[in-house]
C-alpha atoms as a PDB file:
ATOM      1  CA  MET A   1     108.887 120.004  94.236  1.00  0.00           C
ATOM      2  CA  PHE A   2     107.872 117.074  96.381  1.00  0.00           C
ATOM      3  CA  ALA A   3     108.070 114.808  93.315  1.00  0.00           C
ATOM      4  CA  THR A   4     111.780 115.599  93.026  1.00  0.00           C
ATOM      5  CA  LEU A   5     112.297 114.686  96.665  1.00  0.00           C
ATOM      6  CA  ILE A   6     110.491 111.386  96.123  1.00  0.00           C
ATOM      7  CA  GLY A   7     112.512 110.884  92.953  1.00  0.00           C
ATOM      8  CA  ILE A   8     115.740 111.248  94.899  1.00  0.00           C
ATOM      9  CA  VAL A   9     114.989 109.678  98.287  1.00  0.00           C
ATOM     10  CA  VAL A  10     112.969 106.591  97.294  1.00  0.00           C
ATOM     11  CA  PRO A  11     115.512 105.144  94.837  1.00  0.00           C
ATOM     12  CA  ILE A  12     118.327 105.656  97.337  1.00  0.00           C
ATOM     13  CA  LEU A  13     116.321 103.958 100.103  1.00  0.00           C
ATOM     14  CA  SER A  14     115.356 101.207  97.700  1.00  0.00           C
ATOM     15  CA  ALA A  15     118.988 100.642  96.760  1.00  0.00           C
ATOM     16  CA  VAL A  16     120.065 100.537 100.409  1.00  0.00           C
ATOM     17  CA  LEU A  17     117.314  98.046 101.255  1.00  0.00           C
ATOM     18  CA  THR A  18     118.222  95.958  98.207  1.00  0.00           C
ATOM     19  CA  VAL A  19     121.878  95.846  99.265  1.00  0.00           C
ATOM     20  CA  ILE A  20     120.927  94.896 102.832  1.00  0.00           C
ATOM     21  CA  SER A  21     118.522  92.279 101.516  1.00  0.00           C
ATOM     22  CA  PHE A  22     121.273  90.935  99.260  1.00  0.00           C
ATOM     23  CA  VAL A  23     123.727  90.603 102.127  1.00  0.00           C
ATOM     24  CA  VAL A  24     121.153  88.878 104.335  1.00  0.00           C
ATOM     25  CA  LEU A  25     120.118  86.527 101.535  1.00  0.00           C
ATOM     26  CA  ALA A  26     123.712  85.782 100.554  1.00  0.00           C
ATOM     27  CA  LEU A  27     124.547  84.875 104.142  1.00  0.00           C
ATOM     28  CA  GLN A  28     121.462  82.649 104.375  1.00  0.00           C
ATOM     29  CA  VAL A  29     122.224  80.944 101.076  1.00  0.00           C
ATOM     30  CA  ILE A  30     125.842  80.319 102.002  1.00  0.00           C
ATOM     31  CA  ARG A  31     124.800  79.034 105.411  1.00  0.00           C
ATOM     32  CA  TYR A  32     121.972  76.720 104.386  1.00  0.00           C
ATOM     33  CA  LEU A  33     122.620  75.583 100.833  1.00  0.00           C
ATOM     34  CA  ASP A  34     125.394  73.653  99.184  1.00  0.00           C
ATOM     35  CA  ALA A  35     124.662  75.019  95.701  1.00  0.00           C
ATOM     36  CA  TRP A  36     124.865  78.705  96.572  1.00  0.00           C
ATOM     37  CA  LEU A  37     126.659  80.054  93.520  1.00  0.00           C
ATOM     38  CA  GLY A  38     123.596  80.428  91.256  1.00  0.00           C
ATOM     39  CA  PRO A  39     121.446  82.447  93.679  1.00  0.00           C
ATOM     40  CA  LEU A  40     124.483  84.452  94.740  1.00  0.00           C
ATOM     41  CA  ILE A  41     125.313  85.444  91.158  1.00  0.00           C
ATOM     42  CA  PHE A  42     121.667  86.338  90.523  1.00  0.00           C
ATOM     43  CA  ASN A  43     121.566  88.563  93.583  1.00  0.00           C
ATOM     44  CA  VAL A  44     124.901  90.208  92.758  1.00  0.00           C
ATOM     45  CA  VAL A  45     123.619  91.114  89.291  1.00  0.00           C
ATOM     46  CA  ASN A  46     120.276  92.277  90.728  1.00  0.00           C
ATOM     47  CA  THR A  47     121.995  94.431  93.352  1.00  0.00           C
ATOM     48  CA  LEU A  48     124.429  95.984  90.882  1.00  0.00           C
ATOM     49  CA  GLY A  49     121.586  96.662  88.450  1.00  0.00           C
ATOM     50  CA  THR A  50     119.603  98.334  91.219  1.00  0.00           C
ATOM     51  CA  LEU A  51     122.562 100.532  92.137  1.00  0.00           C
ATOM     52  CA  VAL A  52     123.110 101.594  88.508  1.00  0.00           C
ATOM     53  CA  LEU A  53     119.418 102.361  88.014  1.00  0.00           C
ATOM     54  CA  THR A  54     119.377 104.304  91.279  1.00  0.00           C
ATOM     55  CA  VAL A  55     122.236 106.512  90.119  1.00  0.00           C
ATOM     56  CA  LEU A  56     120.471 107.094  86.791  1.00  0.00           C
ATOM     57  CA  TRP A  57     117.189 107.840  88.558  1.00  0.00           C
ATOM     58  CA  VAL A  58     118.831 110.457  90.795  1.00  0.00           C
ATOM     59  CA  ILE A  59     120.565 112.083  87.799  1.00  0.00           C
ATOM     60  CA  PHE A  60     117.250 112.234  85.926  1.00  0.00           C
ATOM     61  CA  ALA A  61     115.516 113.603  89.051  1.00  0.00           C
ATOM     62  CA  PHE A  62     117.999 116.488  89.181  1.00  0.00           C
ATOM     63  CA  ARG A  63     117.454 117.113  85.463  1.00  0.00           C
ATOM     64  CA  MET A  64     113.712 117.066  86.094  1.00  0.00           C
ATOM     65  CA  ARG A  65     114.193 119.572  88.914  1.00  0.00           C
ATOM     66  CA  ALA A  66     116.031 121.773  86.413  1.00  0.00           C
ATOM     67  CA  GLY A  67     112.865 121.772  84.298  1.00  0.00           C
ATOM     68  CA  ARG A  68     113.798 119.194  81.672  1.00  0.00           C
ATOM     69  CA  ASN A  69     110.555 117.660  80.462  1.00  0.00           C
ATOM     70  CA  TRP A  70     112.400 114.743  78.819  1.00  0.00           C
ATOM     71  CA  ALA A  71     113.679 113.780  82.282  1.00  0.00           C
ATOM     72  CA  ARG A  72     110.137 113.847  83.665  1.00  0.00           C
ATOM     73  CA  THR A  73     108.960 111.617  80.816  1.00  0.00           C
ATOM     74  CA  THR A  74     111.890 109.234  81.286  1.00  0.00           C
ATOM     75  CA  LEU A  75     111.248 109.023  85.022  1.00  0.00           C
ATOM     76  CA  ALA A  76     107.540 108.438  84.407  1.00  0.00           C
ATOM     77  CA  ILE A  77     108.363 105.485  82.164  1.00  0.00           C
ATOM     78  CA  LEU A  78     110.859 104.144  84.701  1.00  0.00           C
ATOM     79  CA  ALA A  79     108.304 104.625  87.498  1.00  0.00           C
ATOM     80  CA  VAL A  80     105.724 102.538  85.636  1.00  0.00           C
ATOM     81  CA  VAL A  81     108.304  99.817  84.969  1.00  0.00           C
ATOM     82  CA  TRP A  82     109.430  99.927  88.602  1.00  0.00           C
ATOM     83  CA  LEU A  83     105.814  99.741  89.760  1.00  0.00           C
ATOM     84  CA  LEU A  84     105.153  96.688  87.569  1.00  0.00           C
ATOM     85  CA  TYR A  85     108.386  95.115  88.831  1.00  0.00           C
ATOM     86  CA  GLY A  86     107.233  95.761  92.403  1.00  0.00           C
ATOM     87  CA  LEU A  87     103.837  94.191  91.757  1.00  0.00           C
ATOM     88  CA  PHE A  88     105.525  91.185  90.187  1.00  0.00           C
ATOM     89  CA  GLY A  89     107.890  90.929  93.161  1.00  0.00           C
ATOM     90  CA  ILE A  90     105.099  90.964  95.717  1.00  0.00           C
ATOM     91  CA  ILE A  91     103.049  88.411  93.794  1.00  0.00           C
ATOM     92  CA  GLN A  92     106.107  86.186  93.371  1.00  0.00           C
ATOM     93  CA  MET A  93     106.949  86.478  97.064  1.00  0.00           C
ATOM     94  CA  LEU A  94     103.404  85.605  98.109  1.00  0.00           C
ATOM     95  CA  ILE A  95     103.405  82.601  95.776  1.00  0.00           C
ATOM     96  CA  THR A  96     106.786  81.489  97.120  1.00  0.00           C
ATOM     97  CA  PHE A  97     105.482  81.620 100.690  1.00  0.00           C
ATOM     98  CA  ASP A  98     102.159  80.014  99.714  1.00  0.00           C
ATOM     99  CA  PHE A  99     100.288  83.200 100.661  1.00  0.00           C
ATOM    100  CA  GLN A 100     101.225  82.611 104.315  1.00  0.00           C
ATOM    101  CA  LEU A 101     102.570  85.632 106.177  1.00  0.00           C
ATOM    102  CA  GLY A 102     104.033  83.575 109.046  1.00  0.00           C
ATOM    103  CA  PRO A 103     106.917  82.080 107.046  1.00  0.00           C
ATOM    104  CA  LEU A 104     107.355  85.386 105.227  1.00  0.00           C
ATOM    105  CA  ILE A 105     107.963  87.411 108.376  1.00  0.00           C
ATOM    106  CA  SER A 106     110.367  84.807 109.753  1.00  0.00           C
ATOM    107  CA  GLN A 107     112.866  85.473 106.935  1.00  0.00           C
ATOM    108  CA  PRO A 108     114.963  88.662 107.354  1.00  0.00           C
ATOM    109  CA  GLY A 109     115.616  88.905 103.612  1.00  0.00           C
ATOM    110  CA  ALA A 110     111.919  88.567 102.829  1.00  0.00           C
ATOM    111  CA  ILE A 111     111.085  91.273 105.359  1.00  0.00           C
ATOM    112  CA  MET A 112     113.581  93.690 103.770  1.00  0.00           C
ATOM    113  CA  ALA A 113     112.318  92.859 100.289  1.00  0.00           C
ATOM    114  CA  SER A 114     108.708  93.354 101.427  1.00  0.00           C
ATOM    115  CA  ILE A 115     109.502  96.781 102.877  1.00  0.00           C
ATOM    116  CA  GLU A 116     111.270  97.794  99.678  1.00  0.00           C
ATOM    117  CA  LEU A 117     108.446  96.526  97.473  1.00  0.00           C
ATOM    118  CA  LEU A 118     105.741  98.198  99.551  1.00  0.00           C
ATOM    119  CA  MET A 119     107.704 101.447  99.453  1.00  0.00           C
ATOM    120  CA  VAL A 120     107.806 101.204  95.660  1.00  0.00           C
ATOM    121  CA  LEU A 121     104.061 100.463  95.489  1.00  0.00           C
ATOM    122  CA  VAL A 122     103.345 103.648  97.448  1.00  0.00           C
ATOM    123  CA  ALA A 123     106.040 105.981  96.101  1.00  0.00           C
ATOM    124  CA  MET A 124     105.851 105.340  92.363  1.00  0.00           C
ATOM    125  CA  PRO A 125     102.126 106.151  91.942  1.00  0.00           C
ATOM    126  CA  LEU A 126     102.631 109.169  94.211  1.00  0.00           C
ATOM    127  CA  PHE A 127     105.581 110.287  92.082  1.00  0.00           C
ATOM    128  CA  LEU A 128     103.546 109.880  88.886  1.00  0.00           C
ATOM    129  CA  VAL A 129     100.665 111.933  90.253  1.00  0.00           C
ATOM    130  CA  LEU A 130     102.891 114.699  91.633  1.00  0.00           C
ATOM    131  CA  ALA A 131     105.036 114.900  88.507  1.00  0.00           C
ATOM    132  CA  PHE A 132     101.995 115.601  86.332  1.00  0.00           C
ATOM    133  CA  LEU A 133      99.837 117.811  88.548  1.00  0.00           C
ATOM    134  CA  LYS A 134      98.900 121.254  87.258  1.00  0.00           C
ATOM    135  CA  PRO A 135     101.623 123.061  89.285  1.00  0.00           C
ATOM    136  CA  SER A 136     104.229 120.648  87.903  1.00  0.00           C
ATOM    137  CA  ASN A 137     103.024 121.211  84.348  1.00  0.00           C
ATOM    138  CA  GLN A 138     103.199 124.968  84.908  1.00  0.00           C
ATOM    139  CA  TYR A 139     106.731 124.610  86.281  1.00  0.00           C
ATOM    140  CA  PHE A 140     107.918 122.711  83.215  1.00  0.00           C
ATOM    141  CA  LYS A 141     106.172 125.132  80.888  1.00  0.00           C
ATOM    142  CA  ALA A 142     107.793 128.101  82.651  1.00  0.00           C
ATOM    143  CA  THR A 143     111.288 126.599  82.597  1.00  0.00           C
ATOM    144  CA  SER A 144     111.035 125.582  78.948  1.00  0.00           C
ATOM    145  CA  SER A 145     110.331 129.168  77.917  1.00  0.00           C
ATOM    146  CA  ARG A 146     113.494 130.497  79.596  1.00  0.00           C
END
């Protein structure tokens, strides 16, 4: 199932990009700001939360691959939440940079975050569609009757 592959690969890539973005941002904050502790703590919590959710997502994706409909439902809910979070992130980033792409692409952390957010905006709707197509429904129906 391609949905399972998306469910495994995208969260891992997202977590890696989040960690890289965190490191880049932390280095920028430490370098340019005196009051760096607040943003650093926020990004540590955000990065750790992303890693935990990534592990959970992969576990649920394997359960979904095993035909567990509850895992598919859980991942669908998480995908919608992740999609909304991604939309919020892109809107917030555009507001922060005054809807100007020049300053946005000059910041390495913003570039990494943009790639991660765009990946989420493509992958989550694709995951939702693939997870509930007729062949997927047949797969879950067949595995539930075993």
